[in-house]
Amino acid sequence: MKRLAYLLFVLVVATCVAPARGDAATRCVALPQALVQTLQQHGWGAPGSYVGALHNLNGRGSPEAVVLLTGRQFCGSGGCTLVVLQLEGEDWRLVSKTTLVRPPIRVLQVRHNGWATLGVQVQGGGVAHGYTALLPFQGSAYPANPTVSPAVRSHGKVLGNMLIASYSCSPAVRN
C-alpha cells in the first residue's frame, strides 16, 4: 500500500510540478494534498498564505518541499519564515525552519552534508543593504537565521535554480 501511495505521489509530482524558473513571479504549483494538510495542521496557513516548490534537495530521488510562509504571523520587517519538509512514508516531516527570509529563494549546485545549499535574500529589519545569504545544510537542518553563522553572506552574484521568486505566485495555477 505504501509503495502504491509513493508511486501515486511521484505521478502527481511529475504531472503537476514544473521545474521552477527565474520568472518575475513564482509559478504556483499543485502541492500534494498530504503536504497541504501538514501545513494546515501545523498552523502554517491555508492555501494562498504560502508559496511552495518541490525540489530534490538531498539527492535521494524524491523531492522535498520548500515553502515560504507569507501570512502576517510569519512575516515581519526582516522577511518571512521558510520551512523545508521531507516526505517520510505518507507523512511530511519538518526538516528546518528559517526566519527573516525574503525571496528570491534559490537552490545552488553546492552541497553540504549531502543536501543542496539554499540562497535567500536578506534585507529589512535593520539590514539596510540587502544581500544573498547562503544556507548550507548543517546535518539535520538548514540555519534558523540567515544573518548569523552558519549562514554565509555571499559576495557577488549567486547562480542557482530559482525555487521561489516572490511572495506570491502567478495566477495561472494556484496551490
N, C-alpha and C. Protein backbone atom coordinates (compact mmCIF):
# COMPACT_ATOMS: atom_id res chain seq x y z
N MET A 1 0.82 -1.19 0.00
CA MET A 1 0.00 0.00 0.00
C MET A 1 0.87 1.26 0.00
N LYS A 2 1.95 1.25 0.84
CA LYS A 2 2.84 2.41 0.89
C LYS A 2 3.50 2.63 -0.46
N ARG A 3 3.86 1.53 -1.13
CA ARG A 3 4.50 1.64 -2.44
C ARG A 3 3.54 2.26 -3.45
N LEU A 4 2.28 1.85 -3.41
CA LEU A 4 1.27 2.43 -4.30
C LEU A 4 1.09 3.92 -4.01
N ALA A 5 1.06 4.29 -2.73
CA ALA A 5 0.92 5.69 -2.36
C ALA A 5 2.12 6.50 -2.85
N TYR A 6 3.33 5.92 -2.73
CA TYR A 6 4.54 6.61 -3.21
C TYR A 6 4.50 6.77 -4.72
N LEU A 7 4.12 5.73 -5.44
CA LEU A 7 4.04 5.84 -6.91
C LEU A 7 3.00 6.87 -7.32
N LEU A 8 1.88 6.92 -6.62
CA LEU A 8 0.87 7.94 -6.91
C LEU A 8 1.43 9.33 -6.65
N PHE A 9 2.16 9.49 -5.54
CA PHE A 9 2.79 10.77 -5.23
C PHE A 9 3.74 11.18 -6.35
N VAL A 10 4.60 10.28 -6.78
CA VAL A 10 5.56 10.58 -7.86
C VAL A 10 4.82 10.98 -9.13
N LEU A 11 3.73 10.30 -9.45
CA LEU A 11 2.96 10.63 -10.63
C LEU A 11 2.35 12.03 -10.51
N VAL A 12 1.81 12.35 -9.34
CA VAL A 12 1.23 13.68 -9.13
C VAL A 12 2.30 14.75 -9.27
N VAL A 13 3.47 14.52 -8.65
CA VAL A 13 4.55 15.50 -8.73
C VAL A 13 5.03 15.65 -10.16
N ALA A 14 5.18 14.56 -10.87
CA ALA A 14 5.68 14.63 -12.25
C ALA A 14 4.72 15.36 -13.17
N THR A 15 3.43 15.26 -12.92
CA THR A 15 2.48 15.90 -13.82
C THR A 15 2.08 17.30 -13.37
N CYS A 16 2.21 17.62 -12.09
CA CYS A 16 1.71 18.90 -11.59
C CYS A 16 2.81 19.92 -11.29
N VAL A 17 4.03 19.48 -11.17
CA VAL A 17 5.08 20.40 -10.76
C VAL A 17 6.08 20.57 -11.88
N ALA A 18 6.11 21.76 -12.42
CA ALA A 18 7.11 22.09 -13.42
C ALA A 18 8.34 22.63 -12.72
N PRO A 19 9.53 22.43 -13.28
CA PRO A 19 10.72 22.98 -12.64
C PRO A 19 10.58 24.49 -12.49
N ALA A 20 11.02 24.99 -11.35
CA ALA A 20 10.95 26.44 -11.11
C ALA A 20 11.92 27.16 -12.03
N ARG A 21 11.53 28.30 -12.52
CA ARG A 21 12.36 29.11 -13.41
C ARG A 21 12.51 30.49 -12.79
N GLY A 22 13.40 31.27 -13.32
CA GLY A 22 13.65 32.60 -12.80
C GLY A 22 12.67 33.64 -13.31
N ASP A 23 11.39 33.34 -13.33
CA ASP A 23 10.37 34.29 -13.77
C ASP A 23 10.21 35.41 -12.74
N ALA A 24 9.58 36.49 -13.16
CA ALA A 24 9.34 37.62 -12.26
C ALA A 24 8.43 37.23 -11.11
N ALA A 25 7.45 36.38 -11.36
CA ALA A 25 6.57 35.90 -10.30
C ALA A 25 6.72 34.39 -10.20
N THR A 26 6.63 33.87 -9.00
CA THR A 26 6.72 32.44 -8.81
C THR A 26 5.51 31.77 -9.44
N ARG A 27 5.73 30.73 -10.17
CA ARG A 27 4.62 29.98 -10.74
C ARG A 27 4.09 29.04 -9.68
N CYS A 28 2.83 29.15 -9.40
CA CYS A 28 2.22 28.28 -8.40
C CYS A 28 2.24 26.84 -8.89
N VAL A 29 2.46 25.94 -7.97
CA VAL A 29 2.43 24.52 -8.29
C VAL A 29 1.37 23.85 -7.43
N ALA A 30 0.83 22.77 -7.93
CA ALA A 30 -0.14 22.00 -7.16
C ALA A 30 0.65 21.14 -6.17
N LEU A 31 0.60 21.50 -4.91
CA LEU A 31 1.30 20.74 -3.88
C LEU A 31 0.48 19.51 -3.53
N PRO A 32 1.16 18.41 -3.18
CA PRO A 32 0.43 17.20 -2.80
C PRO A 32 -0.52 17.48 -1.64
N GLN A 33 -1.68 16.86 -1.67
CA GLN A 33 -2.71 17.10 -0.65
C GLN A 33 -2.19 16.80 0.75
N ALA A 34 -1.38 15.77 0.91
CA ALA A 34 -0.83 15.45 2.24
C ALA A 34 0.05 16.59 2.75
N LEU A 35 0.77 17.26 1.87
CA LEU A 35 1.60 18.39 2.26
C LEU A 35 0.72 19.58 2.67
N VAL A 36 -0.32 19.85 1.90
CA VAL A 36 -1.25 20.94 2.23
C VAL A 36 -1.86 20.68 3.61
N GLN A 37 -2.23 19.43 3.88
CA GLN A 37 -2.81 19.08 5.18
C GLN A 37 -1.80 19.28 6.30
N THR A 38 -0.54 18.91 6.06
CA THR A 38 0.50 19.11 7.07
C THR A 38 0.69 20.58 7.37
N LEU A 39 0.71 21.42 6.34
CA LEU A 39 0.86 22.86 6.54
C LEU A 39 -0.29 23.40 7.39
N GLN A 40 -1.51 22.94 7.11
CA GLN A 40 -2.68 23.40 7.88
C GLN A 40 -2.64 22.88 9.32
N GLN A 41 -2.24 21.61 9.51
CA GLN A 41 -2.19 21.02 10.85
C GLN A 41 -1.19 21.72 11.75
N HIS A 42 -0.09 22.22 11.17
CA HIS A 42 0.92 22.92 11.96
C HIS A 42 0.57 24.41 12.15
N GLY A 43 -0.56 24.82 11.60
CA GLY A 43 -0.96 26.22 11.74
C GLY A 43 -0.19 27.15 10.82
N TRP A 44 0.36 26.60 9.74
CA TRP A 44 1.18 27.39 8.82
C TRP A 44 0.36 27.99 7.69
N GLY A 45 -0.93 27.87 7.75
CA GLY A 45 -1.77 28.57 6.80
C GLY A 45 -2.52 27.70 5.83
N ALA A 46 -3.52 28.33 5.26
CA ALA A 46 -4.33 27.70 4.23
C ALA A 46 -3.70 28.02 2.88
N PRO A 47 -4.08 27.28 1.84
CA PRO A 47 -3.58 27.61 0.51
C PRO A 47 -3.79 29.10 0.22
N GLY A 48 -2.77 29.72 -0.34
CA GLY A 48 -2.80 31.15 -0.60
C GLY A 48 -2.01 31.95 0.42
N SER A 49 -1.68 31.33 1.57
CA SER A 49 -0.90 32.02 2.59
C SER A 49 0.54 31.53 2.61
N TYR A 50 0.95 30.89 1.55
CA TYR A 50 2.32 30.44 1.39
C TYR A 50 2.61 30.24 -0.09
N VAL A 51 3.89 30.19 -0.41
CA VAL A 51 4.34 29.89 -1.76
C VAL A 51 5.28 28.72 -1.63
N GLY A 52 5.06 27.66 -2.40
CA GLY A 52 5.87 26.46 -2.26
C GLY A 52 6.43 25.95 -3.56
N ALA A 53 7.48 25.16 -3.41
CA ALA A 53 8.11 24.49 -4.55
C ALA A 53 8.60 23.13 -4.08
N LEU A 54 8.65 22.19 -4.99
CA LEU A 54 9.19 20.87 -4.70
C LEU A 54 10.50 20.72 -5.45
N HIS A 55 11.53 20.25 -4.73
CA HIS A 55 12.84 20.07 -5.34
C HIS A 55 13.60 19.01 -4.56
N ASN A 56 14.32 18.16 -5.27
CA ASN A 56 15.12 17.13 -4.61
C ASN A 56 16.38 17.78 -4.04
N LEU A 57 16.36 18.10 -2.78
CA LEU A 57 17.47 18.78 -2.13
C LEU A 57 18.56 17.83 -1.66
N ASN A 58 18.19 16.61 -1.27
CA ASN A 58 19.17 15.70 -0.70
C ASN A 58 19.69 14.65 -1.68
N GLY A 59 19.25 14.69 -2.92
CA GLY A 59 19.77 13.78 -3.94
C GLY A 59 19.31 12.34 -3.81
N ARG A 60 18.30 12.09 -3.01
CA ARG A 60 17.83 10.71 -2.81
C ARG A 60 16.67 10.32 -3.70
N GLY A 61 16.27 11.19 -4.61
CA GLY A 61 15.25 10.82 -5.57
C GLY A 61 13.90 11.48 -5.41
N SER A 62 13.37 11.56 -4.20
CA SER A 62 12.05 12.19 -4.04
C SER A 62 12.25 13.64 -3.61
N PRO A 63 11.38 14.53 -4.05
CA PRO A 63 11.57 15.95 -3.75
C PRO A 63 11.17 16.33 -2.33
N GLU A 64 11.86 17.32 -1.81
CA GLU A 64 11.49 17.94 -0.55
C GLU A 64 10.63 19.16 -0.89
N ALA A 65 9.88 19.65 0.09
CA ALA A 65 9.06 20.83 -0.10
C ALA A 65 9.77 22.03 0.52
N VAL A 66 9.88 23.11 -0.26
CA VAL A 66 10.44 24.37 0.21
C VAL A 66 9.27 25.35 0.19
N VAL A 67 8.87 25.84 1.37
CA VAL A 67 7.64 26.63 1.49
C VAL A 67 7.93 27.94 2.23
N LEU A 68 7.62 29.05 1.56
CA LEU A 68 7.73 30.36 2.19
C LEU A 68 6.36 30.73 2.76
N LEU A 69 6.28 30.84 4.09
CA LEU A 69 5.02 31.18 4.76
C LEU A 69 4.84 32.69 4.67
N THR A 70 3.75 33.13 4.07
CA THR A 70 3.57 34.55 3.80
C THR A 70 2.44 35.20 4.61
N GLY A 71 1.84 34.46 5.52
CA GLY A 71 0.80 35.03 6.38
C GLY A 71 1.40 36.04 7.35
N ARG A 72 0.57 36.97 7.82
CA ARG A 72 1.05 38.04 8.71
C ARG A 72 1.81 37.54 9.93
N GLN A 73 1.36 36.42 10.50
CA GLN A 73 2.00 35.91 11.71
C GLN A 73 3.39 35.34 11.44
N PHE A 74 3.76 35.16 10.16
CA PHE A 74 5.06 34.60 9.81
C PHE A 74 5.99 35.61 9.15
N CYS A 75 5.54 36.84 9.00
CA CYS A 75 6.34 37.86 8.32
C CYS A 75 6.49 39.09 9.19
N GLY A 76 7.65 39.72 9.05
CA GLY A 76 7.92 40.97 9.74
C GLY A 76 8.76 41.85 8.85
N SER A 77 9.35 42.88 9.42
CA SER A 77 10.14 43.81 8.62
C SER A 77 11.38 43.16 8.03
N GLY A 78 11.85 42.06 8.62
CA GLY A 78 13.03 41.38 8.12
C GLY A 78 12.74 40.28 7.13
N GLY A 79 11.48 39.94 6.92
CA GLY A 79 11.14 38.88 5.98
C GLY A 79 10.14 37.91 6.57
N CYS A 80 10.06 36.74 5.98
CA CYS A 80 9.09 35.72 6.38
C CYS A 80 9.80 34.44 6.79
N THR A 81 9.02 33.45 7.19
CA THR A 81 9.56 32.16 7.62
C THR A 81 9.55 31.17 6.45
N LEU A 82 10.67 30.48 6.29
CA LEU A 82 10.83 29.45 5.27
C LEU A 82 10.89 28.10 5.96
N VAL A 83 10.07 27.15 5.52
CA VAL A 83 10.14 25.79 6.06
C VAL A 83 10.51 24.83 4.95
N VAL A 84 11.27 23.81 5.33
CA VAL A 84 11.63 22.73 4.43
C VAL A 84 11.08 21.46 5.05
N LEU A 85 10.33 20.70 4.25
CA LEU A 85 9.72 19.47 4.73
C LEU A 85 10.15 18.31 3.83
N GLN A 86 10.21 17.13 4.42
CA GLN A 86 10.62 15.92 3.71
C GLN A 86 9.54 14.86 3.86
N LEU A 87 9.28 14.17 2.77
CA LEU A 87 8.29 13.09 2.79
C LEU A 87 8.91 11.85 3.42
N GLU A 88 8.23 11.33 4.45
CA GLU A 88 8.63 10.08 5.11
C GLU A 88 7.43 9.17 5.11
N GLY A 89 7.46 8.15 4.29
CA GLY A 89 6.29 7.29 4.13
C GLY A 89 5.19 8.08 3.47
N GLU A 90 4.10 8.26 4.20
CA GLU A 90 2.98 9.05 3.67
C GLU A 90 2.85 10.41 4.35
N ASP A 91 3.79 10.73 5.24
CA ASP A 91 3.71 11.96 6.03
C ASP A 91 4.86 12.90 5.69
N TRP A 92 4.60 14.21 5.83
CA TRP A 92 5.62 15.23 5.63
C TRP A 92 6.18 15.63 6.98
N ARG A 93 7.51 15.59 7.13
CA ARG A 93 8.19 15.91 8.38
C ARG A 93 8.97 17.21 8.21
N LEU A 94 8.91 18.07 9.22
CA LEU A 94 9.66 19.31 9.20
C LEU A 94 11.15 19.02 9.30
N VAL A 95 11.91 19.52 8.34
CA VAL A 95 13.37 19.40 8.36
C VAL A 95 13.96 20.65 9.00
N SER A 96 13.49 21.81 8.58
CA SER A 96 14.04 23.04 9.16
C SER A 96 13.07 24.20 9.00
N LYS A 97 13.30 25.22 9.84
CA LYS A 97 12.53 26.46 9.80
C LYS A 97 13.54 27.59 9.88
N THR A 98 13.49 28.50 8.91
CA THR A 98 14.40 29.64 8.85
C THR A 98 13.59 30.93 8.82
N THR A 99 13.88 31.84 9.72
CA THR A 99 13.17 33.11 9.76
C THR A 99 13.94 34.18 8.99
N LEU A 100 13.33 35.35 8.83
CA LEU A 100 13.97 36.52 8.22
C LEU A 100 14.37 36.28 6.76
N VAL A 101 13.52 35.57 6.03
CA VAL A 101 13.81 35.22 4.65
C VAL A 101 12.97 36.06 3.70
N ARG A 102 13.61 36.54 2.65
CA ARG A 102 12.93 37.24 1.55
C ARG A 102 13.26 36.50 0.26
N PRO A 103 12.33 36.49 -0.68
CA PRO A 103 12.66 35.93 -1.98
C PRO A 103 13.60 36.86 -2.75
N PRO A 104 14.33 36.39 -3.70
CA PRO A 104 14.21 35.05 -4.27
C PRO A 104 14.92 33.99 -3.42
N ILE A 105 14.41 32.77 -3.57
CA ILE A 105 14.99 31.61 -2.90
C ILE A 105 15.49 30.68 -4.00
N ARG A 106 16.77 30.37 -3.91
CA ARG A 106 17.40 29.54 -4.94
C ARG A 106 17.99 28.28 -4.32
N VAL A 107 18.06 27.25 -5.12
CA VAL A 107 18.80 26.05 -4.73
C VAL A 107 20.09 26.07 -5.56
N LEU A 108 21.22 25.91 -4.88
CA LEU A 108 22.52 26.01 -5.52
C LEU A 108 23.09 24.63 -5.81
N GLN A 109 24.07 24.56 -6.67
CA GLN A 109 24.71 23.29 -7.01
C GLN A 109 25.60 22.79 -5.87
N VAL A 110 26.05 23.70 -5.01
CA VAL A 110 26.92 23.35 -3.90
C VAL A 110 26.15 22.51 -2.89
N ARG A 111 26.78 21.44 -2.40
CA ARG A 111 26.14 20.56 -1.42
C ARG A 111 26.94 20.60 -0.12
N HIS A 112 26.22 20.47 0.99
CA HIS A 112 26.86 20.42 2.31
C HIS A 112 26.13 19.35 3.11
N ASN A 113 26.86 18.39 3.63
CA ASN A 113 26.26 17.26 4.34
C ASN A 113 25.22 16.54 3.49
N GLY A 114 25.48 16.46 2.18
CA GLY A 114 24.61 15.72 1.26
C GLY A 114 23.42 16.49 0.72
N TRP A 115 23.16 17.67 1.21
CA TRP A 115 21.99 18.45 0.79
C TRP A 115 22.45 19.69 0.03
N ALA A 116 21.62 20.13 -0.90
CA ALA A 116 21.90 21.34 -1.65
C ALA A 116 21.86 22.56 -0.73
N THR A 117 22.74 23.50 -0.99
CA THR A 117 22.75 24.77 -0.27
C THR A 117 21.64 25.66 -0.85
N LEU A 118 20.96 26.39 0.02
CA LEU A 118 19.92 27.33 -0.42
C LEU A 118 20.47 28.75 -0.37
N GLY A 119 20.00 29.58 -1.28
CA GLY A 119 20.33 31.01 -1.28
C GLY A 119 19.06 31.80 -1.05
N VAL A 120 19.08 32.73 -0.07
CA VAL A 120 17.90 33.55 0.25
C VAL A 120 18.32 35.01 0.34
N GLN A 121 17.37 35.90 0.12
CA GLN A 121 17.63 37.34 0.21
C GLN A 121 17.46 37.80 1.65
N VAL A 122 18.35 38.67 2.11
CA VAL A 122 18.27 39.26 3.44
C VAL A 122 18.22 40.77 3.27
N GLN A 123 17.21 41.41 3.87
CA GLN A 123 17.08 42.87 3.81
C GLN A 123 15.94 43.28 4.74
N GLY A 124 16.01 44.50 5.23
CA GLY A 124 14.98 44.98 6.14
C GLY A 124 15.29 44.55 7.56
N GLY A 125 14.44 44.97 8.50
CA GLY A 125 14.66 44.59 9.89
C GLY A 125 16.02 45.02 10.42
N GLY A 126 16.52 46.17 9.94
CA GLY A 126 17.82 46.65 10.37
C GLY A 126 18.93 46.43 9.36
N VAL A 127 18.68 45.62 8.33
CA VAL A 127 19.66 45.39 7.27
C VAL A 127 19.33 46.33 6.13
N ALA A 128 20.10 47.42 6.03
CA ALA A 128 19.79 48.46 5.04
C ALA A 128 20.14 48.04 3.61
N HIS A 129 21.28 47.40 3.43
CA HIS A 129 21.73 46.99 2.10
C HIS A 129 21.57 45.48 1.98
N GLY A 130 20.61 45.07 1.16
CA GLY A 130 20.30 43.66 1.02
C GLY A 130 21.44 42.85 0.42
N TYR A 131 21.42 41.59 0.72
CA TYR A 131 22.42 40.66 0.18
C TYR A 131 21.82 39.26 0.14
N THR A 132 22.52 38.37 -0.54
CA THR A 132 22.10 36.97 -0.58
C THR A 132 22.86 36.21 0.49
N ALA A 133 22.13 35.47 1.31
CA ALA A 133 22.75 34.61 2.32
C ALA A 133 22.71 33.17 1.82
N LEU A 134 23.79 32.46 2.02
CA LEU A 134 23.87 31.05 1.65
C LEU A 134 23.58 30.22 2.90
N LEU A 135 22.67 29.26 2.75
CA LEU A 135 22.27 28.41 3.87
C LEU A 135 22.77 26.99 3.63
N PRO A 136 23.95 26.64 4.13
CA PRO A 136 24.44 25.27 3.98
C PRO A 136 23.71 24.34 4.97
N PHE A 137 23.39 23.13 4.54
CA PHE A 137 22.70 22.18 5.40
C PHE A 137 23.66 21.76 6.52
N GLN A 138 23.16 21.74 7.75
CA GLN A 138 24.01 21.50 8.92
C GLN A 138 23.93 20.08 9.46
N GLY A 139 23.49 19.13 8.66
CA GLY A 139 23.42 17.74 9.10
C GLY A 139 22.02 17.33 9.49
N SER A 140 21.27 18.22 10.14
CA SER A 140 19.88 17.89 10.48
C SER A 140 18.92 19.00 10.08
N ALA A 141 19.44 20.18 9.72
CA ALA A 141 18.58 21.30 9.35
C ALA A 141 19.39 22.37 8.64
N TYR A 142 18.67 23.29 8.00
CA TYR A 142 19.29 24.49 7.46
C TYR A 142 19.38 25.50 8.61
N PRO A 143 20.27 26.50 8.50
CA PRO A 143 20.37 27.51 9.57
C PRO A 143 19.02 28.16 9.86
N ALA A 144 18.76 28.45 11.13
CA ALA A 144 17.49 29.04 11.56
C ALA A 144 17.42 30.54 11.27
N ASN A 145 18.57 31.18 11.07
CA ASN A 145 18.63 32.62 10.85
C ASN A 145 19.68 32.90 9.77
N PRO A 146 19.31 33.53 8.67
CA PRO A 146 20.26 33.75 7.58
C PRO A 146 21.25 34.89 7.84
N THR A 147 21.12 35.59 8.97
CA THR A 147 22.00 36.73 9.23
C THR A 147 23.19 36.39 10.12
N VAL A 148 23.23 35.17 10.66
CA VAL A 148 24.33 34.76 11.54
C VAL A 148 24.86 33.40 11.11
N SER A 149 26.09 33.10 11.55
CA SER A 149 26.71 31.82 11.25
C SER A 149 25.84 30.69 11.81
N PRO A 150 25.69 29.60 11.09
CA PRO A 150 26.48 29.10 9.97
C PRO A 150 26.07 29.61 8.59
N ALA A 151 25.06 30.48 8.50
CA ALA A 151 24.74 31.09 7.21
C ALA A 151 25.92 31.96 6.79
N VAL A 152 26.10 32.10 5.48
CA VAL A 152 27.25 32.83 4.96
C VAL A 152 26.76 33.93 4.03
N ARG A 153 27.29 35.12 4.20
CA ARG A 153 26.95 36.24 3.31
C ARG A 153 27.69 36.04 1.99
N SER A 154 26.93 36.08 0.90
CA SER A 154 27.52 35.90 -0.42
C SER A 154 28.10 37.22 -0.90
N HIS A 155 29.22 37.12 -1.56
CA HIS A 155 29.84 38.29 -2.19
C HIS A 155 29.85 38.04 -3.69
N GLY A 156 29.01 38.76 -4.41
CA GLY A 156 28.89 38.55 -5.84
C GLY A 156 27.57 37.91 -6.19
N LYS A 157 27.39 37.68 -7.47
CA LYS A 157 26.13 37.12 -7.98
C LYS A 157 26.01 35.65 -7.62
N VAL A 158 24.83 35.27 -7.16
CA VAL A 158 24.56 33.88 -6.79
C VAL A 158 23.76 33.24 -7.91
N LEU A 159 24.29 32.16 -8.44
CA LEU A 159 23.61 31.43 -9.51
C LEU A 159 23.00 30.16 -8.93
N GLY A 160 21.81 29.87 -9.35
CA GLY A 160 21.16 28.66 -8.89
C GLY A 160 19.77 28.56 -9.48
N ASN A 161 19.13 27.45 -9.27
CA ASN A 161 17.78 27.22 -9.76
C ASN A 161 16.80 27.99 -8.88
N MET A 162 16.04 28.88 -9.50
CA MET A 162 15.07 29.69 -8.76
C MET A 162 13.90 28.79 -8.32
N LEU A 163 13.69 28.71 -7.01
CA LEU A 163 12.56 27.96 -6.48
C LEU A 163 11.38 28.87 -6.23
N ILE A 164 11.62 29.98 -5.55
CA ILE A 164 10.56 30.92 -5.20
C ILE A 164 11.06 32.33 -5.55
N ALA A 165 10.38 32.98 -6.47
CA ALA A 165 10.83 34.28 -6.96
C ALA A 165 10.19 35.45 -6.23
N SER A 166 9.02 35.25 -5.62
CA SER A 166 8.32 36.35 -4.98
C SER A 166 7.41 35.83 -3.87
N TYR A 167 6.78 36.77 -3.17
CA TYR A 167 5.87 36.41 -2.07
C TYR A 167 4.55 35.83 -2.56
N SER A 168 4.28 35.96 -3.82
CA SER A 168 3.03 35.43 -4.37
C SER A 168 3.36 34.73 -5.67
N CYS A 169 2.37 34.10 -6.22
CA CYS A 169 2.61 33.39 -7.46
C CYS A 169 1.69 33.87 -8.56
N SER A 170 2.06 33.55 -9.77
CA SER A 170 1.24 33.97 -10.91
C SER A 170 -0.09 33.25 -10.84
N PRO A 171 -1.14 33.86 -11.35
CA PRO A 171 -2.49 33.29 -11.21
C PRO A 171 -2.75 32.07 -12.09
N ALA A 172 -1.80 31.64 -12.90
CA ALA A 172 -2.03 30.52 -13.81
C ALA A 172 -2.45 29.26 -13.08
N VAL A 173 -1.72 28.90 -12.02
CA VAL A 173 -2.03 27.71 -11.25
C VAL A 173 -1.88 28.09 -9.78
N ARG A 174 -2.82 27.75 -8.95
CA ARG A 174 -2.77 28.10 -7.52
C ARG A 174 -2.66 26.84 -6.68
N ASN A 175 -2.02 26.97 -5.50
CA ASN A 175 -1.94 25.85 -4.54
C ASN A 175 -3.34 25.50 -4.10
